Amino acid sequence: MRHLILRVILITMTAINPALADSAQDEAAIKTIVESVGSLADTGNFETLEKLYAEEVEVDYTSLAGGAVELKSPQALMSQWASMLPGFDRTRHEISSISVEVIGDKAIATADIVADHYVNDLFW
């Protein structure tokens, strides 16, 4: 069996909402949203996932494949994931090291993600 664990800094989400203050309660709410991304992706719930993102998403796959950080719409990101993830027998996305920074009426959340992908006896 081939083993490769992909560790990527994947998502920077920018939520624009004047109701977000830099309180511990708001930070907890944002972290809960970020934590849900993995399970929603693993269950193929891309419609719900799309609703979690702001109008523009910064996606960083550079630790996985090089290249540059990309800005995408939630629709484009979900289309990309929906075209790739169902090709695996199973996926598991573990999200850790969630960091939230509130700046005025914006919040930026970053996280480390370990993505496990399975096809038959192969594991990436």
PDB file of N, CA and C in Angstrom:
ATOM      1  N   MET A   1       0.843  -1.169   0.000  1.00  0.00           N
ATOM      2  CA  MET A   1       0.000   0.000   0.000  1.00  0.00           C
ATOM      3  C   MET A   1       0.890   1.234   0.000  1.00  0.00           C
ATOM      4  N   ARG A   2       0.547   2.168  -0.792  1.00  0.00           N
ATOM      5  CA  ARG A   2       1.309   3.407  -0.907  1.00  0.00           C
ATOM      6  C   ARG A   2       0.753   4.436   0.073  1.00  0.00           C
ATOM      7  N   HIS A   3       1.624   5.055   0.849  1.00  0.00           N
ATOM      8  CA  HIS A   3       1.188   6.041   1.845  1.00  0.00           C
ATOM      9  C   HIS A   3       1.810   7.391   1.549  1.00  0.00           C
ATOM     10  N   LEU A   4       0.991   8.368   1.503  1.00  0.00           N
ATOM     11  CA  LEU A   4       1.464   9.738   1.361  1.00  0.00           C
ATOM     12  C   LEU A   4       0.447  10.631   2.034  1.00  0.00           C
ATOM     13  N   ILE A   5       0.897  11.369   3.019  1.00  0.00           N
ATOM     14  CA  ILE A   5      -0.006  12.296   3.700  1.00  0.00           C
ATOM     15  C   ILE A   5       0.275  13.682   3.155  1.00  0.00           C
ATOM     16  N   LEU A   6      -0.755  14.334   2.728  1.00  0.00           N
ATOM     17  CA  LEU A   6      -0.642  15.663   2.170  1.00  0.00           C
ATOM     18  C   LEU A   6      -0.926  16.668   3.263  1.00  0.00           C
ATOM     19  N   ARG A   7       0.017  17.523   3.551  1.00  0.00           N
ATOM     20  CA  ARG A   7      -0.196  18.559   4.550  1.00  0.00           C
ATOM     21  C   ARG A   7      -0.187  19.879   3.809  1.00  0.00           C
ATOM     22  N   VAL A   8      -1.292  20.540   3.836  1.00  0.00           N
ATOM     23  CA  VAL A   8      -1.412  21.783   3.099  1.00  0.00           C
ATOM     24  C   VAL A   8      -2.050  22.844   3.978  1.00  0.00           C
ATOM     25  N   ILE A   9      -1.639  24.042   3.759  1.00  0.00           N
ATOM     26  CA  ILE A   9      -2.403  25.158   4.283  1.00  0.00           C
ATOM     27  C   ILE A   9      -3.360  25.479   3.163  1.00  0.00           C
ATOM     28  N   LEU A  10      -4.606  25.179   3.393  1.00  0.00           N
ATOM     29  CA  LEU A  10      -5.545  25.120   2.279  1.00  0.00           C
ATOM     30  C   LEU A  10      -6.441  26.321   2.161  1.00  0.00           C
ATOM     31  N   ILE A  11      -6.998  26.757   3.225  1.00  0.00           N
ATOM     32  CA  ILE A  11      -8.095  27.688   3.073  1.00  0.00           C
ATOM     33  C   ILE A  11      -7.840  28.949   3.874  1.00  0.00           C
ATOM     34  N   THR A  12      -7.981  30.067   3.241  1.00  0.00           N
ATOM     35  CA  THR A  12      -8.097  31.311   3.965  1.00  0.00           C
ATOM     36  C   THR A  12      -9.470  31.842   3.637  1.00  0.00           C
ATOM     37  N   MET A  13     -10.319  31.892   4.638  1.00  0.00           N
ATOM     38  CA  MET A  13     -11.699  32.325   4.432  1.00  0.00           C
ATOM     39  C   MET A  13     -11.828  33.746   4.952  1.00  0.00           C
ATOM     40  N   THR A  14     -12.439  34.591   4.190  1.00  0.00           N
ATOM     41  CA  THR A  14     -12.695  35.951   4.625  1.00  0.00           C
ATOM     42  C   THR A  14     -14.197  36.125   4.751  1.00  0.00           C
ATOM     43  N   ALA A  15     -14.655  36.300   5.950  1.00  0.00           N
ATOM     44  CA  ALA A  15     -16.081  36.513   6.186  1.00  0.00           C
ATOM     45  C   ALA A  15     -16.300  37.996   6.386  1.00  0.00           C
ATOM     46  N   ILE A  16     -17.160  38.584   5.585  1.00  0.00           N
ATOM     47  CA  ILE A  16     -17.450  40.006   5.709  1.00  0.00           C
ATOM     48  C   ILE A  16     -18.815  40.133   6.367  1.00  0.00           C
ATOM     49  N   ASN A  17     -18.811  40.556   7.622  1.00  0.00           N
ATOM     50  CA  ASN A  17     -20.043  40.653   8.380  1.00  0.00           C
ATOM     51  C   ASN A  17     -19.834  41.660   9.497  1.00  0.00           C
ATOM     52  N   PRO A  18     -20.527  42.795   9.453  1.00  0.00           N
ATOM     53  CA  PRO A  18     -20.343  43.811  10.491  1.00  0.00           C
ATOM     54  C   PRO A  18     -20.651  43.306  11.896  1.00  0.00           C
ATOM     55  N   ALA A  19     -21.427  42.235  12.004  1.00  0.00           N
ATOM     56  CA  ALA A  19     -21.775  41.719  13.325  1.00  0.00           C
ATOM     57  C   ALA A  19     -20.617  40.987  13.995  1.00  0.00           C
ATOM     58  N   LEU A  20     -19.554  40.703  13.230  1.00  0.00           N
ATOM     59  CA  LEU A  20     -18.421  39.980  13.806  1.00  0.00           C
ATOM     60  C   LEU A  20     -17.540  40.930  14.602  1.00  0.00           C
ATOM     61  N   ALA A  21     -17.501  40.750  15.868  1.00  0.00           N
ATOM     62  CA  ALA A  21     -16.574  41.493  16.715  1.00  0.00           C
ATOM     63  C   ALA A  21     -15.484  40.519  17.108  1.00  0.00           C
ATOM     64  N   ASP A  22     -14.397  41.029  17.696  1.00  0.00           N
ATOM     65  CA  ASP A  22     -13.294  40.127  18.007  1.00  0.00           C
ATOM     66  C   ASP A  22     -13.475  39.473  19.378  1.00  0.00           C
ATOM     67  N   SER A  23     -14.665  39.054  19.676  1.00  0.00           N
ATOM     68  CA  SER A  23     -14.924  38.381  20.945  1.00  0.00           C
ATOM     69  C   SER A  23     -14.615  36.894  20.829  1.00  0.00           C
ATOM     70  N   ALA A  24     -14.448  36.263  21.969  1.00  0.00           N
ATOM     71  CA  ALA A  24     -14.182  34.828  21.990  1.00  0.00           C
ATOM     72  C   ALA A  24     -15.348  34.047  21.390  1.00  0.00           C
ATOM     73  N   GLN A  25     -16.563  34.519  21.579  1.00  0.00           N
ATOM     74  CA  GLN A  25     -17.733  33.831  21.037  1.00  0.00           C
ATOM     75  C   GLN A  25     -17.725  33.853  19.507  1.00  0.00           C
ATOM     76  N   ASP A  26     -17.389  34.985  18.919  1.00  0.00           N
ATOM     77  CA  ASP A  26     -17.326  35.074  17.459  1.00  0.00           C
ATOM     78  C   ASP A  26     -16.206  34.203  16.912  1.00  0.00           C
ATOM     79  N   GLU A  27     -15.070  34.219  17.593  1.00  0.00           N
ATOM     80  CA  GLU A  27     -13.942  33.379  17.165  1.00  0.00           C
ATOM     81  C   GLU A  27     -14.335  31.906  17.211  1.00  0.00           C
ATOM     82  N   ALA A  28     -15.036  31.494  18.254  1.00  0.00           N
ATOM     83  CA  ALA A  28     -15.493  30.106  18.358  1.00  0.00           C
ATOM     84  C   ALA A  28     -16.450  29.748  17.231  1.00  0.00           C
ATOM     85  N   ALA A  29     -17.349  30.658  16.891  1.00  0.00           N
ATOM     86  CA  ALA A  29     -18.296  30.406  15.806  1.00  0.00           C
ATOM     87  C   ALA A  29     -17.570  30.225  14.476  1.00  0.00           C
ATOM     88  N   ILE A  30     -16.561  31.057  14.228  1.00  0.00           N
ATOM     89  CA  ILE A  30     -15.792  30.954  12.979  1.00  0.00           C
ATOM     90  C   ILE A  30     -15.018  29.641  12.953  1.00  0.00           C
ATOM     91  N   LYS A  31     -14.408  29.270  14.075  1.00  0.00           N
ATOM     92  CA  LYS A  31     -13.666  27.997  14.129  1.00  0.00           C
ATOM     93  C   LYS A  31     -14.594  26.813  13.880  1.00  0.00           C
ATOM     94  N   THR A  32     -15.813  26.871  14.384  1.00  0.00           N
ATOM     95  CA  THR A  32     -16.775  25.794  14.150  1.00  0.00           C
ATOM     96  C   THR A  32     -17.092  25.656  12.662  1.00  0.00           C
ATOM     97  N   ILE A  33     -17.234  26.782  11.993  1.00  0.00           N
ATOM     98  CA  ILE A  33     -17.475  26.751  10.552  1.00  0.00           C
ATOM     99  C   ILE A  33     -16.293  26.110   9.835  1.00  0.00           C
ATOM    100  N   VAL A  34     -15.078  26.516  10.182  1.00  0.00           N
ATOM    101  CA  VAL A  34     -13.883  25.954   9.537  1.00  0.00           C
ATOM    102  C   VAL A  34     -13.797  24.452   9.805  1.00  0.00           C
ATOM    103  N   GLU A  35     -14.078  24.032  11.035  1.00  0.00           N
ATOM    104  CA  GLU A  35     -14.026  22.605  11.368  1.00  0.00           C
ATOM    105  C   GLU A  35     -15.022  21.793  10.552  1.00  0.00           C
ATOM    106  N   SER A  36     -16.130  22.381  10.168  1.00  0.00           N
ATOM    107  CA  SER A  36     -17.145  21.645   9.412  1.00  0.00           C
ATOM    108  C   SER A  36     -16.751  21.411   7.955  1.00  0.00           C
ATOM    109  N   VAL A  37     -15.792  22.156   7.452  1.00  0.00           N
ATOM    110  CA  VAL A  37     -15.406  22.043   6.036  1.00  0.00           C
ATOM    111  C   VAL A  37     -14.974  20.621   5.689  1.00  0.00           C
ATOM    112  N   GLY A  38     -14.158  19.999   6.534  1.00  0.00           N
ATOM    113  CA  GLY A  38     -13.673  18.649   6.239  1.00  0.00           C
ATOM    114  C   GLY A  38     -14.783  17.632   6.123  1.00  0.00           C
ATOM    115  N   SER A  39     -15.678  17.590   7.096  1.00  0.00           N
ATOM    116  CA  SER A  39     -16.748  16.586   7.058  1.00  0.00           C
ATOM    117  C   SER A  39     -17.724  16.852   5.914  1.00  0.00           C
ATOM    118  N   LEU A  40     -17.992  18.122   5.619  1.00  0.00           N
ATOM    119  CA  LEU A  40     -18.876  18.424   4.495  1.00  0.00           C
ATOM    120  C   LEU A  40     -18.247  18.009   3.167  1.00  0.00           C
ATOM    121  N   ALA A  41     -16.951  18.237   3.012  1.00  0.00           N
ATOM    122  CA  ALA A  41     -16.262  17.810   1.791  1.00  0.00           C
ATOM    123  C   ALA A  41     -16.238  16.291   1.693  1.00  0.00           C
ATOM    124  N   ASP A  42     -15.963  15.617   2.816  1.00  0.00           N
ATOM    125  CA  ASP A  42     -15.879  14.155   2.814  1.00  0.00           C
ATOM    126  C   ASP A  42     -17.220  13.491   2.511  1.00  0.00           C
ATOM    127  N   THR A  43     -18.319  14.166   2.820  1.00  0.00           N
ATOM    128  CA  THR A  43     -19.646  13.609   2.530  1.00  0.00           C
ATOM    129  C   THR A  43     -20.217  14.134   1.216  1.00  0.00           C
ATOM    130  N   GLY A  44     -19.453  14.957   0.500  1.00  0.00           N
ATOM    131  CA  GLY A  44     -19.886  15.459  -0.799  1.00  0.00           C
ATOM    132  C   GLY A  44     -20.977  16.506  -0.719  1.00  0.00           C
ATOM    133  N   ASN A  45     -21.058  17.211   0.390  1.00  0.00           N
ATOM    134  CA  ASN A  45     -22.093  18.223   0.568  1.00  0.00           C
ATOM    135  C   ASN A  45     -21.574  19.584   0.099  1.00  0.00           C
ATOM    136  N   PHE A  46     -21.333  19.692  -1.205  1.00  0.00           N
ATOM    137  CA  PHE A  46     -20.700  20.880  -1.773  1.00  0.00           C
ATOM    138  C   PHE A  46     -21.636  22.092  -1.782  1.00  0.00           C
ATOM    139  N   GLU A  47     -22.928  21.853  -1.868  1.00  0.00           N
ATOM    140  CA  GLU A  47     -23.888  22.959  -1.852  1.00  0.00           C
ATOM    141  C   GLU A  47     -23.833  23.708  -0.507  1.00  0.00           C
ATOM    142  N   THR A  48     -23.800  22.964   0.579  1.00  0.00           N
ATOM    143  CA  THR A  48     -23.694  23.588   1.903  1.00  0.00           C
ATOM    144  C   THR A  48     -22.330  24.228   2.080  1.00  0.00           C
ATOM    145  N   LEU A  49     -21.290  23.558   1.628  1.00  0.00           N
ATOM    146  CA  LEU A  49     -19.931  24.114   1.723  1.00  0.00           C
ATOM    147  C   LEU A  49     -19.831  25.467   1.043  1.00  0.00           C
ATOM    148  N   GLU A  50     -20.385  25.558  -0.133  1.00  0.00           N
ATOM    149  CA  GLU A  50     -20.321  26.803  -0.904  1.00  0.00           C
ATOM    150  C   GLU A  50     -20.886  27.979  -0.114  1.00  0.00           C
ATOM    151  N   LYS A  51     -21.912  27.730   0.668  1.00  0.00           N
ATOM    152  CA  LYS A  51     -22.562  28.790   1.439  1.00  0.00           C
ATOM    153  C   LYS A  51     -21.715  29.282   2.608  1.00  0.00           C
ATOM    154  N   LEU A  52     -20.696  28.529   2.996  1.00  0.00           N
ATOM    155  CA  LEU A  52     -19.854  28.913   4.130  1.00  0.00           C
ATOM    156  C   LEU A  52     -18.821  29.977   3.774  1.00  0.00           C
ATOM    157  N   TYR A  53     -18.554  30.148   2.499  1.00  0.00           N
ATOM    158  CA  TYR A  53     -17.462  31.015   2.065  1.00  0.00           C
ATOM    159  C   TYR A  53     -17.941  32.411   1.685  1.00  0.00           C
ATOM    160  N   ALA A  54     -17.025  33.345   1.834  1.00  0.00           N
ATOM    161  CA  ALA A  54     -17.261  34.710   1.379  1.00  0.00           C
ATOM    162  C   ALA A  54     -17.211  34.736  -0.150  1.00  0.00           C
ATOM    163  N   GLU A  55     -17.386  35.907  -0.732  1.00  0.00           N
ATOM    164  CA  GLU A  55     -17.424  36.041  -2.194  1.00  0.00           C
ATOM    165  C   GLU A  55     -16.105  35.688  -2.865  1.00  0.00           C
ATOM    166  N   GLU A  56     -15.018  35.770  -2.128  1.00  0.00           N
ATOM    167  CA  GLU A  56     -13.698  35.449  -2.673  1.00  0.00           C
ATOM    168  C   GLU A  56     -12.941  34.610  -1.650  1.00  0.00           C
ATOM    169  N   VAL A  57     -12.328  33.519  -2.116  1.00  0.00           N
ATOM    170  CA  VAL A  57     -11.622  32.582  -1.256  1.00  0.00           C
ATOM    171  C   VAL A  57     -10.167  32.496  -1.707  1.00  0.00           C
ATOM    172  N   GLU A  58      -9.252  32.626  -0.768  1.00  0.00           N
ATOM    173  CA  GLU A  58      -7.833  32.449  -1.068  1.00  0.00           C
ATOM    174  C   GLU A  58      -7.491  30.990  -0.802  1.00  0.00           C
ATOM    175  N   VAL A  59      -7.029  30.287  -1.832  1.00  0.00           N
ATOM    176  CA  VAL A  59      -6.731  28.864  -1.746  1.00  0.00           C
ATOM    177  C   VAL A  59      -5.232  28.668  -1.936  1.00  0.00           C
ATOM    178  N   ASP A  60      -4.618  27.973  -0.980  1.00  0.00           N
ATOM    179  CA  ASP A  60      -3.173  27.795  -1.004  1.00  0.00           C
ATOM    180  C   ASP A  60      -2.833  26.306  -1.029  1.00  0.00           C
ATOM    181  N   TYR A  61      -2.516  25.794  -2.217  1.00  0.00           N
ATOM    182  CA  TYR A  61      -2.075  24.412  -2.391  1.00  0.00           C
ATOM    183  C   TYR A  61      -0.563  24.349  -2.608  1.00  0.00           C
ATOM    184  N   THR A  62       0.158  25.416  -2.309  1.00  0.00           N
ATOM    185  CA  THR A  62       1.576  25.487  -2.665  1.00  0.00           C
ATOM    186  C   THR A  62       2.418  24.416  -1.977  1.00  0.00           C
ATOM    187  N   SER A  63       2.071  24.024  -0.750  1.00  0.00           N
ATOM    188  CA  SER A  63       2.855  22.985  -0.089  1.00  0.00           C
ATOM    189  C   SER A  63       2.591  21.618  -0.701  1.00  0.00           C
ATOM    190  N   LEU A  64       1.532  21.488  -1.440  1.00  0.00           N
ATOM    191  CA  LEU A  64       1.178  20.239  -2.103  1.00  0.00           C
ATOM    192  C   LEU A  64       1.779  20.149  -3.498  1.00  0.00           C
ATOM    193  N   ALA A  65       1.610  21.212  -4.279  1.00  0.00           N
ATOM    194  CA  ALA A  65       1.961  21.127  -5.690  1.00  0.00           C
ATOM    195  C   ALA A  65       2.766  22.313  -6.207  1.00  0.00           C
ATOM    196  N   GLY A  66       3.241  23.164  -5.302  1.00  0.00           N
ATOM    197  CA  GLY A  66       3.948  24.356  -5.771  1.00  0.00           C
ATOM    198  C   GLY A  66       2.966  25.346  -6.348  1.00  0.00           C
ATOM    199  N   GLY A  67       3.437  26.171  -7.238  1.00  0.00           N
ATOM    200  CA  GLY A  67       2.553  27.142  -7.867  1.00  0.00           C
ATOM    201  C   GLY A  67       2.326  28.346  -6.992  1.00  0.00           C
ATOM    202  N   ALA A  68       1.196  28.978  -7.182  1.00  0.00           N
ATOM    203  CA  ALA A  68       0.884  30.216  -6.466  1.00  0.00           C
ATOM    204  C   ALA A  68      -0.454  30.093  -5.743  1.00  0.00           C
ATOM    205  N   VAL A  69      -0.635  30.930  -4.756  1.00  0.00           N
ATOM    206  CA  VAL A  69      -1.913  31.036  -4.069  1.00  0.00           C
ATOM    207  C   VAL A  69      -2.933  31.573  -5.071  1.00  0.00           C
ATOM    208  N   GLU A  70      -4.153  31.047  -5.029  1.00  0.00           N
ATOM    209  CA  GLU A  70      -5.187  31.447  -5.979  1.00  0.00           C
ATOM    210  C   GLU A  70      -6.365  32.097  -5.258  1.00  0.00           C
ATOM    211  N   LEU A  71      -7.000  33.033  -5.922  1.00  0.00           N
ATOM    212  CA  LEU A  71      -8.261  33.599  -5.463  1.00  0.00           C
ATOM    213  C   LEU A  71      -9.368  32.978  -6.302  1.00  0.00           C
ATOM    214  N   LYS A  72     -10.390  32.435  -5.630  1.00  0.00           N
ATOM    215  CA  LYS A  72     -11.481  31.779  -6.349  1.00  0.00           C
ATOM    216  C   LYS A  72     -12.809  32.195  -5.742  1.00  0.00           C
ATOM    217  N   SER A  73     -13.838  32.071  -6.535  1.00  0.00           N
ATOM    218  CA  SER A  73     -15.185  32.228  -6.009  1.00  0.00           C
ATOM    219  C   SER A  73     -15.547  30.909  -5.314  1.00  0.00           C
ATOM    220  N   PRO A  74     -16.483  30.945  -4.380  1.00  0.00           N
ATOM    221  CA  PRO A  74     -16.923  29.688  -3.765  1.00  0.00           C
ATOM    222  C   PRO A  74     -17.457  28.698  -4.805  1.00  0.00           C
ATOM    223  N   GLN A  75     -18.131  29.213  -5.833  1.00  0.00           N
ATOM    224  CA  GLN A  75     -18.671  28.343  -6.879  1.00  0.00           C
ATOM    225  C   GLN A  75     -17.545  27.624  -7.622  1.00  0.00           C
ATOM    226  N   ALA A  76     -16.488  28.351  -7.948  1.00  0.00           N
ATOM    227  CA  ALA A  76     -15.362  27.746  -8.669  1.00  0.00           C
ATOM    228  C   ALA A  76     -14.655  26.706  -7.801  1.00  0.00           C
ATOM    229  N   LEU A  77     -14.471  27.013  -6.521  1.00  0.00           N
ATOM    230  CA  LEU A  77     -13.807  26.075  -5.619  1.00  0.00           C
ATOM    231  C   LEU A  77     -14.631  24.806  -5.454  1.00  0.00           C
ATOM    232  N   MET A  78     -15.936  24.947  -5.270  1.00  0.00           N
ATOM    233  CA  MET A  78     -16.786  23.766  -5.103  1.00  0.00           C
ATOM    234  C   MET A  78     -16.878  22.954  -6.389  1.00  0.00           C
ATOM    235  N   SER A  79     -16.872  23.616  -7.524  1.00  0.00           N
ATOM    236  CA  SER A  79     -16.847  22.884  -8.809  1.00  0.00           C
ATOM    237  C   SER A  79     -15.575  22.059  -8.918  1.00  0.00           C
ATOM    238  N   GLN A  80     -14.456  22.647  -8.512  1.00  0.00           N
ATOM    239  CA  GLN A  80     -13.181  21.934  -8.540  1.00  0.00           C
ATOM    240  C   GLN A  80     -13.231  20.720  -7.611  1.00  0.00           C
ATOM    241  N   TRP A  81     -13.662  20.927  -6.379  1.00  0.00           N
ATOM    242  CA  TRP A  81     -13.736  19.816  -5.427  1.00  0.00           C
ATOM    243  C   TRP A  81     -14.735  18.758  -5.875  1.00  0.00           C
ATOM    244  N   ALA A  82     -15.893  19.179  -6.377  1.00  0.00           N
ATOM    245  CA  ALA A  82     -16.933  18.238  -6.788  1.00  0.00           C
ATOM    246  C   ALA A  82     -16.502  17.407  -7.993  1.00  0.00           C
ATOM    247  N   SER A  83     -15.582  17.923  -8.794  1.00  0.00           N
ATOM    248  CA  SER A  83     -15.110  17.162  -9.952  1.00  0.00           C
ATOM    249  C   SER A  83     -13.992  16.194  -9.566  1.00  0.00           C
ATOM    250  N   MET A  84     -13.366  16.394  -8.407  1.00  0.00           N
ATOM    251  CA  MET A  84     -12.221  15.571  -8.013  1.00  0.00           C
ATOM    252  C   MET A  84     -12.560  14.576  -6.897  1.00  0.00           C
ATOM    253  N   LEU A  85     -13.165  15.028  -5.827  1.00  0.00           N
ATOM    254  CA  LEU A  85     -13.341  14.192  -4.641  1.00  0.00           C
ATOM    255  C   LEU A  85     -14.207  12.955  -4.859  1.00  0.00           C
ATOM    256  N   PRO A  86     -15.275  13.016  -5.661  1.00  0.00           N
ATOM    257  CA  PRO A  86     -16.057  11.792  -5.870  1.00  0.00           C
ATOM    258  C   PRO A  86     -15.285  10.683  -6.589  1.00  0.00           C
ATOM    259  N   GLY A  87     -14.117  10.973  -7.127  1.00  0.00           N
ATOM    260  CA  GLY A  87     -13.299   9.954  -7.784  1.00  0.00           C
ATOM    261  C   GLY A  87     -12.594   9.026  -6.809  1.00  0.00           C
ATOM    262  N   PHE A  88     -12.643   9.339  -5.533  1.00  0.00           N
ATOM    263  CA  PHE A  88     -12.010   8.511  -4.511  1.00  0.00           C
ATOM    264  C   PHE A  88     -13.068   7.654  -3.826  1.00  0.00           C
ATOM    265  N   ASP A  89     -12.644   6.473  -3.354  1.00  0.00           N
ATOM    266  CA  ASP A  89     -13.559   5.625  -2.592  1.00  0.00           C
ATOM    267  C   ASP A  89     -13.907   6.270  -1.258  1.00  0.00           C
ATOM    268  N   ARG A  90     -12.957   6.972  -0.683  1.00  0.00           N
ATOM    269  CA  ARG A  90     -13.160   7.637   0.600  1.00  0.00           C
ATOM    270  C   ARG A  90     -12.138   8.756   0.721  1.00  0.00           C
ATOM    271  N   THR A  91     -12.542   9.825   1.372  1.00  0.00           N
ATOM    272  CA  THR A  91     -11.603  10.895   1.719  1.00  0.00           C
ATOM    273  C   THR A  91     -11.788  11.226   3.190  1.00  0.00           C
ATOM    274  N   ARG A  92     -10.732  11.765   3.778  1.00  0.00           N
ATOM    275  CA  ARG A  92     -10.801  12.246   5.161  1.00  0.00           C
ATOM    276  C   ARG A  92      -9.927  13.482   5.254  1.00  0.00           C
ATOM    277  N   HIS A  93     -10.531  14.570   5.651  1.00  0.00           N
ATOM    278  CA  HIS A  93      -9.819  15.834   5.793  1.00  0.00           C
ATOM    279  C   HIS A  93      -9.780  16.204   7.272  1.00  0.00           C
ATOM    280  N   GLU A  94      -8.590  16.225   7.831  1.00  0.00           N
ATOM    281  CA  GLU A  94      -8.400  16.577   9.235  1.00  0.00           C
ATOM    282  C   GLU A  94      -7.929  18.025   9.311  1.00  0.00           C
ATOM    283  N   ILE A  95      -8.668  18.829  10.006  1.00  0.00           N
ATOM    284  CA  ILE A  95      -8.373  20.259  10.091  1.00  0.00           C
ATOM    285  C   ILE A  95      -7.854  20.574  11.484  1.00  0.00           C
ATOM    286  N   SER A  96      -6.724  21.270  11.544  1.00  0.00           N
ATOM    287  CA  SER A  96      -6.120  21.616  12.831  1.00  0.00           C
ATOM    288  C   SER A  96      -5.493  23.002  12.745  1.00  0.00           C
ATOM    289  N   SER A  97      -4.968  23.441  13.856  1.00  0.00           N
ATOM    290  CA  SER A  97      -4.260  24.734  13.942  1.00  0.00           C
ATOM    291  C   SER A  97      -5.081  25.870  13.339  1.00  0.00           C
ATOM    292  N   ILE A  98      -6.351  25.910  13.687  1.00  0.00           N
ATOM    293  CA  ILE A  98      -7.218  26.963  13.171  1.00  0.00           C
ATOM    294  C   ILE A  98      -6.855  28.273  13.864  1.00  0.00           C
ATOM    295  N   SER A  99      -6.649  29.285  13.048  1.00  0.00           N
ATOM    296  CA  SER A  99      -6.322  30.609  13.556  1.00  0.00           C
ATOM    297  C   SER A  99      -7.337  31.594  12.996  1.00  0.00           C
ATOM    298  N   VAL A 100      -7.847  32.445  13.860  1.00  0.00           N
ATOM    299  CA  VAL A 100      -8.834  33.441  13.433  1.00  0.00           C
ATOM    300  C   VAL A 100      -8.311  34.817  13.806  1.00  0.00           C
ATOM    301  N   GLU A 101      -8.346  35.715  12.833  1.00  0.00           N
ATOM    302  CA  GLU A 101      -7.969  37.103  13.070  1.00  0.00           C
ATOM    303  C   GLU A 101      -9.139  37.981  12.654  1.00  0.00           C
ATOM    304  N   VAL A 102      -9.648  38.749  13.592  1.00  0.00           N
ATOM    305  CA  VAL A 102     -10.746  39.658  13.303  1.00  0.00           C
ATOM    306  C   VAL A 102     -10.169  41.051  13.136  1.00  0.00           C
ATOM    307  N   ILE A 103     -10.484  41.657  11.988  1.00  0.00           N
ATOM    308  CA  ILE A 103     -10.006  43.004  11.674  1.00  0.00           C
ATOM    309  C   ILE A 103     -11.233  43.823  11.290  1.00  0.00           C
ATOM    310  N   GLY A 104     -11.707  44.626  12.214  1.00  0.00           N
ATOM    311  CA  GLY A 104     -12.912  45.415  11.934  1.00  0.00           C
ATOM    312  C   GLY A 104     -14.089  44.521  11.665  1.00  0.00           C
ATOM    313  N   ASP A 105     -14.681  44.663  10.478  1.00  0.00           N
ATOM    314  CA  ASP A 105     -15.845  43.860  10.131  1.00  0.00           C
ATOM    315  C   ASP A 105     -15.486  42.644   9.280  1.00  0.00           C
ATOM    316  N   LYS A 106     -14.211  42.260   9.276  1.00  0.00           N
ATOM    317  CA  LYS A 106     -13.758  41.086   8.527  1.00  0.00           C
ATOM    318  C   LYS A 106     -13.076  40.116   9.470  1.00  0.00           C
ATOM    319  N   ALA A 107     -13.136  38.848   9.103  1.00  0.00           N
ATOM    320  CA  ALA A 107     -12.411  37.820   9.838  1.00  0.00           C
ATOM    321  C   ALA A 107     -11.660  36.964   8.837  1.00  0.00           C
ATOM    322  N   ILE A 108     -10.419  36.660   9.146  1.00  0.00           N
ATOM    323  CA  ILE A 108      -9.614  35.782   8.304  1.00  0.00           C
ATOM    324  C   ILE A 108      -9.287  34.553   9.128  1.00  0.00           C
ATOM    325  N   ALA A 109      -9.639  33.394   8.599  1.00  0.00           N
ATOM    326  CA  ALA A 109      -9.364  32.131   9.275  1.00  0.00           C
ATOM    327  C   ALA A 109      -8.429  31.301   8.412  1.00  0.00           C
ATOM    328  N   THR A 110      -7.404  30.747   9.030  1.00  0.00           N
ATOM    329  CA  THR A 110      -6.493  29.844   8.321  1.00  0.00           C
ATOM    330  C   THR A 110      -6.420  28.537   9.102  1.00  0.00           C
ATOM    331  N   ALA A 111      -6.081  27.470   8.407  1.00  0.00           N
ATOM    332  CA  ALA A 111      -6.007  26.166   9.053  1.00  0.00           C
ATOM    333  C   ALA A 111      -5.032  25.271   8.310  1.00  0.00           C
ATOM    334  N   ASP A 112      -4.452  24.324   9.043  1.00  0.00           N
ATOM    335  CA  ASP A 112      -3.666  23.255   8.434  1.00  0.00           C
ATOM    336  C   ASP A 112      -4.621  22.094   8.171  1.00  0.00           C
ATOM    337  N   ILE A 113      -4.429  21.445   7.030  1.00  0.00           N
ATOM    338  CA  ILE A 113      -5.306  20.335   6.665  1.00  0.00           C
ATOM    339  C   ILE A 113      -4.466  19.155   6.216  1.00  0.00           C
ATOM    340  N   VAL A 114      -4.749  17.999   6.795  1.00  0.00           N
ATOM    341  CA  VAL A 114      -4.176  16.745   6.314  1.00  0.00           C
ATOM    342  C   VAL A 114      -5.291  16.056   5.550  1.00  0.00           C
ATOM    343  N   ALA A 115      -5.044  15.799   4.284  1.00  0.00           N
ATOM    344  CA  ALA A 115      -6.060  15.197   3.423  1.00  0.00           C
ATOM    345  C   ALA A 115      -5.658  13.769   3.077  1.00  0.00           C
ATOM    346  N   ASP A 116      -6.489  12.821   3.461  1.00  0.00           N
ATOM    347  CA  ASP A 116      -6.267  11.411   3.134  1.00  0.00           C
ATOM    348  C   ASP A 116      -7.253  11.016   2.043  1.00  0.00           C
ATOM    349  N   HIS A 117      -6.741  10.360   1.002  1.00  0.00           N
ATOM    350  CA  HIS A 117      -7.574   9.955  -0.132  1.00  0.00           C
ATOM    351  C   HIS A 117      -7.328   8.476  -0.419  1.00  0.00           C
ATOM    352  N   TYR A 118      -8.406   7.727  -0.609  1.00  0.00           N
ATOM    353  CA  TYR A 118      -8.321   6.281  -0.796  1.00  0.00           C
ATOM    354  C   TYR A 118      -8.980   5.862  -2.103  1.00  0.00           C
ATOM    355  N   VAL A 119      -8.305   4.985  -2.844  1.00  0.00           N
ATOM    356  CA  VAL A 119      -8.862   4.305  -4.007  1.00  0.00           C
ATOM    357  C   VAL A 119      -8.398   2.864  -3.918  1.00  0.00           C
ATOM    358  N   ASN A 120      -9.354   1.935  -3.811  1.00  0.00           N
ATOM    359  CA  ASN A 120      -9.035   0.514  -3.625  1.00  0.00           C
ATOM    360  C   ASN A 120      -8.040   0.376  -2.478  1.00  0.00           C
ATOM    361  N   ASP A 121      -6.874  -0.211  -2.737  1.00  0.00           N
ATOM    362  CA  ASP A 121      -5.864  -0.398  -1.687  1.00  0.00           C
ATOM    363  C   ASP A 121      -4.836   0.724  -1.656  1.00  0.00           C
ATOM    364  N   LEU A 122      -5.041   1.758  -2.454  1.00  0.00           N
ATOM    365  CA  LEU A 122      -4.090   2.871  -2.499  1.00  0.00           C
ATOM    366  C   LEU A 122      -4.536   3.965  -1.547  1.00  0.00           C
ATOM    367  N   PHE A 123      -3.544   4.660  -0.993  1.00  0.00           N
ATOM    368  CA  PHE A 123      -3.779   5.721  -0.014  1.00  0.00           C
ATOM    369  C   PHE A 123      -2.870   6.875  -0.331  1.00  0.00           C
ATOM    370  N   TRP A 124      -3.441   8.070  -0.484  1.00  0.00           N
ATOM    371  CA  TRP A 124      -2.638   9.278  -0.722  1.00  0.00           C
ATOM    372  C   TRP A 124      -2.795  10.197   0.444  1.00  0.00           C
TER     373      TRP A 124
END
